[in-house]
């Protein structure tokens, strides 16, 4: 059941729509003008709003503008007895979900309601998904080492500068990339991730730049590459130290010229992409070994951000344990377990070669195998 607001200065229209919508099991609130409507919107939350255009005082188009300025999330459907294409187009441009004419056709009304409510559900699902994604990429801790990274992210994110993120495996380089993107002006555009170590060298060019149908034996159809997918947004080249020299050459060209060519094509395609790269390797050593292009290194290393190891920020372990305990318990559908102070101290005394990733795995193991309260003995037995 949805909560629907109907705004119309004609009582017969209001009552007719109320009868139809209530028959469909929706809750309906009526308003005869924009003033009453704004009062109702201030008191209650609506899933859908119908508004007449011609009304005394503030008309429907002005009301629509006010609703858009207020950030009202409910879809707004405009109604008019003097409808024309120009009015409909203007309403949609101003943010209306749809436009229907009087006399109102029953089938048209019900289809519009269904479509608008489907859109509302999609908006809610998208927000829920964004919250889940945001909860996955959090920087937990207040140690000086992690505060330095946090401050760098805040300063660098609003720019378009390329960032090279370094650090050992499991330190949270992916988290840094996501936070940089989320705090940038490209946040509403895609963040496309590429794990360069997971893609065979013979396929990396096709993955990054795409290919045309027939470019090679298995190219049965055209493929859009990751750089094109990220156009207007950001591409995150994880483990870039494992990229082949041939692919490095093409990446360098994209960074220099902001254009690429798909495999099997001579046509150039312009792209507007911000680049983050990450590696657990010492790229200067890789350059000396002949495994990495020095010119590409300097193109990527505009802003270097080093992510500290967990052993460099052990004072953050209590916060991390608490965070992972709540997160894992929710995922497992079990009550959150408390970690005794001596258990946390025991975890702080360990060396964490696997960094944050290893700590999370240990916390999960302790929650599953440990007692009702995680003790030092549990840590010694299972960690």
Protein backbone atom coordinates (compact mmCIF):
# COMPACT_ATOMS: atom_id res chain seq x y z
CA UNK A 1 0.00 0.00 0.00
CA UNK A 2 1.32 3.43 -0.95
CA UNK A 3 0.56 6.84 0.56
CA UNK A 4 -0.53 9.20 -2.23
CA UNK A 5 -1.17 12.96 -2.15
CA UNK A 6 -3.70 14.38 -4.64
CA UNK A 7 -3.68 18.17 -5.18
CA UNK A 8 -6.51 19.68 -7.25
CA UNK A 9 -8.80 22.66 -6.78
CA UNK A 10 -11.76 20.74 -8.24
CA UNK A 11 -13.48 18.70 -5.52
CA UNK A 12 -14.98 16.26 -8.02
CA UNK A 13 -11.51 15.39 -9.42
CA UNK A 14 -10.07 14.98 -5.91
CA UNK A 15 -12.87 12.70 -4.80
CA UNK A 16 -12.86 10.63 -7.99
CA UNK A 17 -9.13 9.99 -7.73
CA UNK A 18 -9.48 9.22 -4.02
CA UNK A 19 -12.15 6.58 -4.72
CA UNK A 20 -10.09 4.96 -7.49
CA UNK A 21 -6.84 4.90 -5.51
CA UNK A 22 -8.44 3.68 -2.28
CA UNK A 23 -10.14 0.88 -4.24
CA UNK A 24 -6.59 -0.11 -5.24
CA UNK A 25 -5.73 -0.28 -1.48
CA UNK A 26 -3.68 2.95 -1.37
CA UNK A 27 -3.92 5.57 1.39
CA UNK A 28 -4.90 8.97 -0.02
CA UNK A 29 -4.51 12.51 1.34
CA UNK A 30 -6.29 15.39 -0.44
CA UNK A 31 -5.26 19.04 -0.83
CA UNK A 32 -7.16 21.75 -2.71
CA UNK A 33 -4.19 24.05 -3.32
CA UNK A 34 -0.40 24.31 -3.05
CA UNK A 35 -0.53 25.77 0.46
CA UNK A 36 -2.45 22.78 1.85
CA UNK A 37 -0.17 20.44 -0.09
CA UNK A 38 3.02 21.92 1.42
CA UNK A 39 1.51 21.65 4.91
CA UNK A 40 0.72 17.97 4.29
CA UNK A 41 4.21 17.31 2.90
CA UNK A 42 5.69 18.95 6.00
CA UNK A 43 3.71 16.58 8.26
CA UNK A 44 3.79 13.31 6.33
CA UNK A 45 5.88 11.31 3.87
CA UNK A 46 4.29 10.42 0.54
CA UNK A 47 5.18 7.74 -1.99
CA UNK A 48 3.55 9.59 -4.92
CA UNK A 49 2.13 13.07 -5.56
CA UNK A 50 -0.47 14.11 -8.16
CA UNK A 51 -0.74 17.86 -8.77
CA UNK A 52 -3.07 19.89 -10.97
CA UNK A 53 -1.36 22.63 -12.98
CA UNK A 54 -4.08 25.33 -13.00
CA UNK A 55 -4.78 26.26 -9.37
CA UNK A 56 -5.46 29.54 -7.55
CA UNK A 57 -2.44 31.08 -5.85
CA UNK A 58 0.69 29.06 -6.51
CA UNK A 59 0.07 26.95 -9.64
CA UNK A 60 1.23 23.37 -10.15
CA UNK A 61 4.39 24.24 -12.08
CA UNK A 62 5.52 26.62 -9.33
CA UNK A 63 4.73 23.96 -6.73
CA UNK A 64 6.75 21.44 -8.71
CA UNK A 65 9.74 23.80 -8.58
CA UNK A 66 9.37 24.17 -4.79
CA UNK A 67 9.18 20.38 -4.34
CA UNK A 68 12.33 19.88 -6.42
CA UNK A 69 14.16 22.57 -4.39
CA UNK A 70 13.08 20.90 -1.13
CA UNK A 71 14.41 17.56 -2.39
CA UNK A 72 11.06 15.80 -2.07
CA UNK A 73 11.76 12.26 -3.23
CA UNK A 74 8.23 11.17 -4.12
CA UNK A 75 7.57 11.09 -7.89
CA UNK A 76 5.33 14.00 -8.97
CA UNK A 77 2.72 13.51 -11.72
CA UNK A 78 1.23 16.66 -13.23
CA UNK A 79 -2.47 16.84 -14.22
CA UNK A 80 -3.97 19.34 -16.65
CA UNK A 81 -7.25 19.94 -18.43
CA UNK A 82 -5.45 22.19 -20.91
CA UNK A 83 -2.62 19.83 -21.78
CA UNK A 84 -0.31 20.26 -24.72
CA UNK A 85 3.07 18.89 -25.68
CA UNK A 86 4.91 22.07 -24.63
CA UNK A 87 3.42 21.96 -21.13
CA UNK A 88 4.21 18.26 -20.75
CA UNK A 89 7.81 18.75 -21.87
CA UNK A 90 8.27 21.69 -19.48
CA UNK A 91 6.90 19.64 -16.57
CA UNK A 92 9.26 16.73 -17.29
CA UNK A 93 12.22 19.11 -17.63
CA UNK A 94 11.38 20.59 -14.22
CA UNK A 95 11.47 17.13 -12.65
CA UNK A 96 7.95 15.69 -12.98
CA UNK A 97 7.76 11.93 -13.34
CA UNK A 98 4.84 12.03 -15.80
CA UNK A 99 2.01 14.16 -17.18
CA UNK A 100 -1.63 13.11 -17.64
CA UNK A 101 -4.60 14.97 -19.09
CA UNK A 102 -8.16 15.53 -17.87
CA UNK A 103 -10.58 13.89 -18.12
CA UNK A 104 -8.46 11.24 -16.41
CA UNK A 105 -8.52 7.83 -18.08
CA UNK A 106 -8.75 5.04 -15.48
CA UNK A 107 -6.25 2.73 -17.18
CA UNK A 108 -3.81 5.57 -17.79
CA UNK A 109 -4.03 6.58 -14.12
CA UNK A 110 -3.39 3.05 -12.82
CA UNK A 111 -0.45 2.47 -15.19
CA UNK A 112 1.08 5.79 -14.09
CA UNK A 113 0.66 4.87 -10.41
CA UNK A 114 2.29 1.48 -10.95
CA UNK A 115 5.24 2.93 -12.89
CA UNK A 116 5.80 5.74 -10.39
CA UNK A 117 5.72 3.39 -7.40
CA UNK A 118 8.12 1.02 -9.18
CA UNK A 119 10.48 3.97 -9.57
CA UNK A 120 10.14 4.82 -5.86
CA UNK A 121 11.01 1.24 -4.90
CA UNK A 122 14.04 1.37 -7.19
CA UNK A 123 15.22 4.61 -5.57
CA UNK A 124 14.90 3.05 -2.10
CA UNK A 125 16.75 -0.10 -3.22
CA UNK A 126 19.51 2.03 -4.75
CA UNK A 127 19.93 4.02 -1.53
CA UNK A 128 20.03 0.81 0.52
CA UNK A 129 22.64 -0.62 -1.82
CA UNK A 130 24.72 2.56 -1.60
CA UNK A 131 24.58 2.39 2.20
CA UNK A 132 25.77 -1.22 2.09
CA UNK A 133 28.60 -0.31 -0.27
CA UNK A 134 29.52 2.70 1.87
CA UNK A 135 29.64 0.48 4.98
CA UNK A 136 32.01 -1.86 3.17
CA UNK A 137 34.49 0.94 2.42
CA UNK A 138 35.20 2.61 5.75
CA UNK A 139 38.51 3.72 7.17
CA UNK A 140 38.45 2.59 10.80
CA UNK A 141 40.92 4.03 13.30
CA UNK A 142 42.39 7.24 14.70
CA UNK A 143 46.09 6.43 14.83
CA UNK A 144 48.45 9.13 13.52
CA UNK A 145 49.36 6.87 10.58
CA UNK A 146 45.74 6.43 9.41
CA UNK A 147 44.81 10.06 10.17
CA UNK A 148 47.57 11.12 7.77
CA UNK A 149 45.96 9.00 5.03
CA UNK A 150 42.51 10.37 5.84
CA UNK A 151 43.79 13.96 5.57
CA UNK A 152 45.42 13.18 2.22
CA UNK A 153 42.15 11.77 0.90
CA UNK A 154 40.25 14.91 1.99
CA UNK A 155 42.75 17.19 0.25
CA UNK A 156 43.21 15.18 -2.94
CA UNK A 157 39.70 13.79 -3.60
CA UNK A 158 38.11 17.05 -4.88
CA UNK A 159 40.82 17.41 -7.56
CA UNK A 160 41.32 15.45 -10.79
CA UNK A 161 44.90 14.49 -9.89
CA UNK A 162 46.04 10.93 -10.50
CA UNK A 163 46.84 8.96 -7.36
CA UNK A 164 49.28 6.08 -6.81
CA UNK A 165 48.29 4.07 -3.73
CA UNK A 166 51.02 1.88 -2.26
CA UNK A 167 51.07 -0.56 0.62
CA UNK A 168 51.33 -4.25 1.47
CA UNK A 169 48.59 -6.76 0.69
CA UNK A 170 45.54 -6.42 2.91
CA UNK A 171 46.24 -2.88 4.15
CA UNK A 172 43.15 -1.35 2.54
CA UNK A 173 44.32 0.21 -0.73
CA UNK A 174 40.91 -0.51 -2.29
CA UNK A 175 39.21 1.36 0.57
CA UNK A 176 41.39 4.42 -0.13
CA UNK A 177 40.44 4.32 -3.84
CA UNK A 178 36.71 4.14 -3.03
CA UNK A 179 36.89 6.97 -0.50
CA UNK A 180 38.79 9.15 -2.99
CA UNK A 181 36.09 8.54 -5.60
CA UNK A 182 33.16 9.03 -3.18
CA UNK A 183 34.52 12.42 -2.07
CA UNK A 184 35.27 13.62 -5.61
CA UNK A 185 33.11 15.59 -8.04
CA UNK A 186 32.92 12.37 -10.09
CA UNK A 187 31.13 10.49 -7.28
CA UNK A 188 27.92 10.09 -9.31
CA UNK A 189 29.84 8.67 -12.28
CA UNK A 190 31.23 5.11 -12.43
CA UNK A 191 34.21 3.81 -10.47
CA UNK A 192 35.49 0.94 -12.63
CA UNK A 193 37.90 -1.47 -10.95
CA UNK A 194 40.47 -3.58 -12.79
CA UNK A 195 42.62 -6.18 -11.01
CA UNK A 196 45.62 -6.23 -13.33
CA UNK A 197 47.07 -9.31 -11.60
CA UNK A 198 43.93 -11.38 -12.21
CA UNK A 199 43.75 -10.85 -15.99
CA UNK A 200 46.03 -12.91 -18.29
CA UNK A 201 48.55 -10.72 -20.13
CA UNK A 202 47.10 -11.68 -23.53
CA UNK A 203 43.65 -10.40 -22.47
CA UNK A 204 44.56 -7.25 -20.53
CA UNK A 205 44.47 -4.96 -23.61
CA UNK A 206 41.02 -6.19 -24.61
CA UNK A 207 39.83 -5.78 -21.01
CA UNK A 208 41.11 -2.22 -20.72
CA UNK A 209 40.49 -0.86 -24.21
CA UNK A 210 37.83 -3.17 -25.66
CA UNK A 211 37.87 -4.88 -29.03
CA UNK A 212 35.97 -5.00 -32.29
CA UNK A 213 34.13 -8.06 -33.54
CA UNK A 214 36.59 -10.34 -35.34
CA UNK A 215 39.68 -8.66 -33.84
CA UNK A 216 40.89 -12.12 -32.81
CA UNK A 217 39.57 -15.68 -32.87
CA UNK A 218 37.30 -15.49 -29.81
CA UNK A 219 36.10 -11.93 -30.49
CA UNK A 220 32.58 -12.89 -31.57
CA UNK A 221 31.14 -9.47 -30.76
CA UNK A 222 32.25 -5.93 -29.98
CA UNK A 223 33.43 -5.31 -26.41
CA UNK A 224 33.55 -1.98 -24.59
CA UNK A 225 36.71 -1.72 -22.49
CA UNK A 226 37.07 -0.57 -18.90
CA UNK A 227 38.41 2.88 -19.86
CA UNK A 228 35.32 3.57 -21.97
CA UNK A 229 33.06 2.26 -19.20
CA UNK A 230 34.72 4.72 -16.80
CA UNK A 231 34.26 7.73 -19.11
CA UNK A 232 33.31 10.72 -16.97
CA UNK A 233 34.26 8.81 -13.83
CA UNK A 234 37.25 6.99 -12.39
CA UNK A 235 39.22 3.85 -13.22
CA UNK A 236 41.06 2.01 -10.45
CA UNK A 237 43.99 -0.05 -11.74
CA UNK A 238 44.71 -2.39 -8.84
CA UNK A 239 48.02 -4.30 -8.74
CA UNK A 240 49.31 -2.24 -11.66
CA UNK A 241 52.81 -3.57 -11.02
CA UNK A 242 51.66 -6.84 -12.62
CA UNK A 243 50.56 -5.23 -15.89
CA UNK A 244 52.40 -6.30 -19.06
CA UNK A 245 54.76 -3.82 -20.74
CA UNK A 246 52.60 -3.83 -23.90
CA UNK A 247 49.51 -2.82 -21.92
CA UNK A 248 51.55 -0.21 -20.00
CA UNK A 249 52.44 1.44 -23.33
CA UNK A 250 48.76 1.76 -24.26
CA UNK A 251 47.79 3.03 -20.81
CA UNK A 252 50.51 5.67 -21.13
CA UNK A 253 48.97 6.84 -24.42
CA UNK A 254 45.54 7.18 -22.81
CA UNK A 255 47.03 9.25 -19.99
CA UNK A 256 48.95 11.46 -22.42
CA UNK A 257 46.27 11.99 -25.06
CA UNK A 258 42.96 11.10 -23.35
CA UNK A 259 42.11 8.80 -26.23
CA UNK A 260 42.26 5.10 -27.03
CA UNK A 261 41.70 2.59 -29.81
CA UNK A 262 39.91 -0.71 -29.38
CA UNK A 263 41.83 -3.84 -30.33
CA UNK A 264 41.23 -4.41 -34.05
CA UNK A 265 40.28 -0.79 -34.79
CA UNK A 266 42.15 2.27 -36.07
CA UNK A 267 39.44 4.62 -34.80
CA UNK A 268 40.36 6.76 -31.80
CA UNK A 269 37.87 7.33 -28.98
CA UNK A 270 38.24 10.25 -26.59
CA UNK A 271 37.73 9.54 -22.89
CA UNK A 272 37.60 11.69 -19.76
CA UNK A 273 38.80 9.41 -16.96
CA UNK A 274 40.49 10.00 -13.62
CA UNK A 275 43.04 7.29 -12.82
CA UNK A 276 43.89 5.69 -9.49
CA UNK A 277 46.51 2.95 -9.43
CA UNK A 278 47.60 0.67 -6.59
CA UNK A 279 50.44 -1.73 -6.05
CA UNK A 280 52.13 -3.74 -3.32
CA UNK A 281 55.40 -3.67 -5.29
CA UNK A 282 58.26 -1.19 -5.21
CA UNK A 283 57.80 0.27 -8.70
CA UNK A 284 61.23 1.93 -8.65
CA UNK A 285 62.78 -1.53 -8.25
CA UNK A 286 60.50 -2.84 -11.02
CA UNK A 287 61.75 -0.02 -13.28
CA UNK A 288 65.36 -1.03 -12.60
CA UNK A 289 64.49 -4.63 -13.46
CA UNK A 290 62.89 -3.53 -16.73
CA UNK A 291 59.41 -4.66 -15.66
CA UNK A 292 57.78 -1.24 -15.45
CA UNK A 293 57.94 1.88 -17.63
CA UNK A 294 59.50 4.85 -15.88
CA UNK A 295 57.45 7.35 -17.90
CA UNK A 296 54.22 5.60 -16.87
CA UNK A 297 55.34 5.63 -13.24
CA UNK A 298 55.79 9.40 -13.33
CA UNK A 299 52.40 9.84 -15.04
CA UNK A 300 50.67 7.82 -12.29
CA UNK A 301 52.63 9.08 -9.30
CA UNK A 302 51.20 12.60 -9.21
CA UNK A 303 49.88 12.14 -5.67
CA UNK A 304 51.43 9.21 -3.76
CA UNK A 305 49.43 7.80 -0.84
CA UNK A 306 51.07 5.10 1.25
CA UNK A 307 48.70 2.93 3.32
CA UNK A 308 50.38 1.82 6.57
CA UNK A 309 50.57 -1.81 7.64
CA UNK A 310 48.51 -2.95 10.62
CA UNK A 311 51.73 -3.38 12.62
CA UNK A 312 52.29 0.38 12.14
CA UNK A 313 48.89 1.21 13.62
CA UNK A 314 48.25 -1.37 16.35
CA UNK A 315 46.43 1.25 18.46
CA UNK A 316 43.59 0.93 15.93
CA UNK A 317 43.09 -2.80 16.61
CA UNK A 318 40.42 -2.35 19.36
CA UNK A 319 38.28 -0.21 17.02
CA UNK A 320 38.82 -2.63 14.13
CA UNK A 321 37.89 -5.64 16.28
CA UNK A 322 34.69 -3.90 17.43
CA UNK A 323 33.83 -2.93 13.84
CA UNK A 324 34.46 -6.39 12.38
CA UNK A 325 32.64 -8.10 15.27
CA UNK A 326 29.45 -6.11 14.60
CA UNK A 327 29.77 -6.51 10.82
CA UNK A 328 30.43 -10.27 10.87
CA UNK A 329 27.73 -10.96 13.45
CA UNK A 330 25.21 -9.15 11.24
CA UNK A 331 26.36 -11.12 8.19
CA UNK A 332 26.13 -14.42 10.10
CA UNK A 333 22.77 -13.51 11.68
CA UNK A 334 24.06 -14.08 15.23
CA UNK A 335 24.25 -11.83 18.32
CA UNK A 336 27.33 -9.63 18.48
CA UNK A 337 30.00 -11.16 20.72
CA UNK A 338 32.01 -9.10 23.15
CA UNK A 339 35.80 -9.30 23.12
CA UNK A 340 37.35 -9.24 26.61
CA UNK A 341 40.04 -6.59 27.16
CA UNK A 342 42.75 -9.23 27.54
CA UNK A 343 41.66 -10.83 24.24
CA UNK A 344 42.07 -7.50 22.42
CA UNK A 345 45.46 -7.01 24.12
CA UNK A 346 46.52 -10.45 22.88
CA UNK A 347 45.54 -9.46 19.34
CA UNK A 348 47.55 -6.24 19.66
CA UNK A 349 50.63 -8.21 20.69
CA UNK A 350 50.64 -10.26 17.49
CA UNK A 351 52.41 -9.45 14.24
CA UNK A 352 49.97 -9.03 11.35
CA UNK A 353 51.70 -9.94 8.10
CA UNK A 354 48.31 -10.18 6.38
CA UNK A 355 47.26 -6.80 7.76
CA UNK A 356 43.58 -5.77 7.96
CA UNK A 357 42.44 -8.72 5.85
CA UNK A 358 44.10 -11.18 8.23
CA UNK A 359 42.62 -9.45 11.29
CA UNK A 360 39.13 -9.67 9.83
CA UNK A 361 39.55 -13.39 9.16
CA UNK A 362 40.78 -13.97 12.73
CA UNK A 363 37.85 -12.02 14.21
CA UNK A 364 35.42 -14.08 12.13
CA UNK A 365 37.11 -17.32 13.27
CA UNK A 366 36.92 -16.25 16.93
CA UNK A 367 33.24 -15.30 16.64
CA UNK A 368 32.40 -18.71 15.16
CA UNK A 369 34.65 -20.88 17.36
CA UNK A 370 35.05 -18.83 20.57
CA UNK A 371 32.90 -18.72 23.67
CA UNK A 372 30.03 -16.32 24.47
CA UNK A 373 32.69 -13.73 25.35
CA UNK A 374 35.94 -13.94 23.41
CA UNK A 375 38.77 -14.52 25.89
CA UNK A 376 42.58 -14.55 25.73
CA UNK A 377 42.34 -18.35 25.78
CA UNK A 378 40.15 -18.22 22.65
CA UNK A 379 42.72 -16.02 20.93
CA UNK A 380 45.53 -18.40 21.88
CA UNK A 381 43.52 -21.42 20.70
CA UNK A 382 42.02 -20.14 17.45
CA UNK A 383 43.82 -16.99 16.27
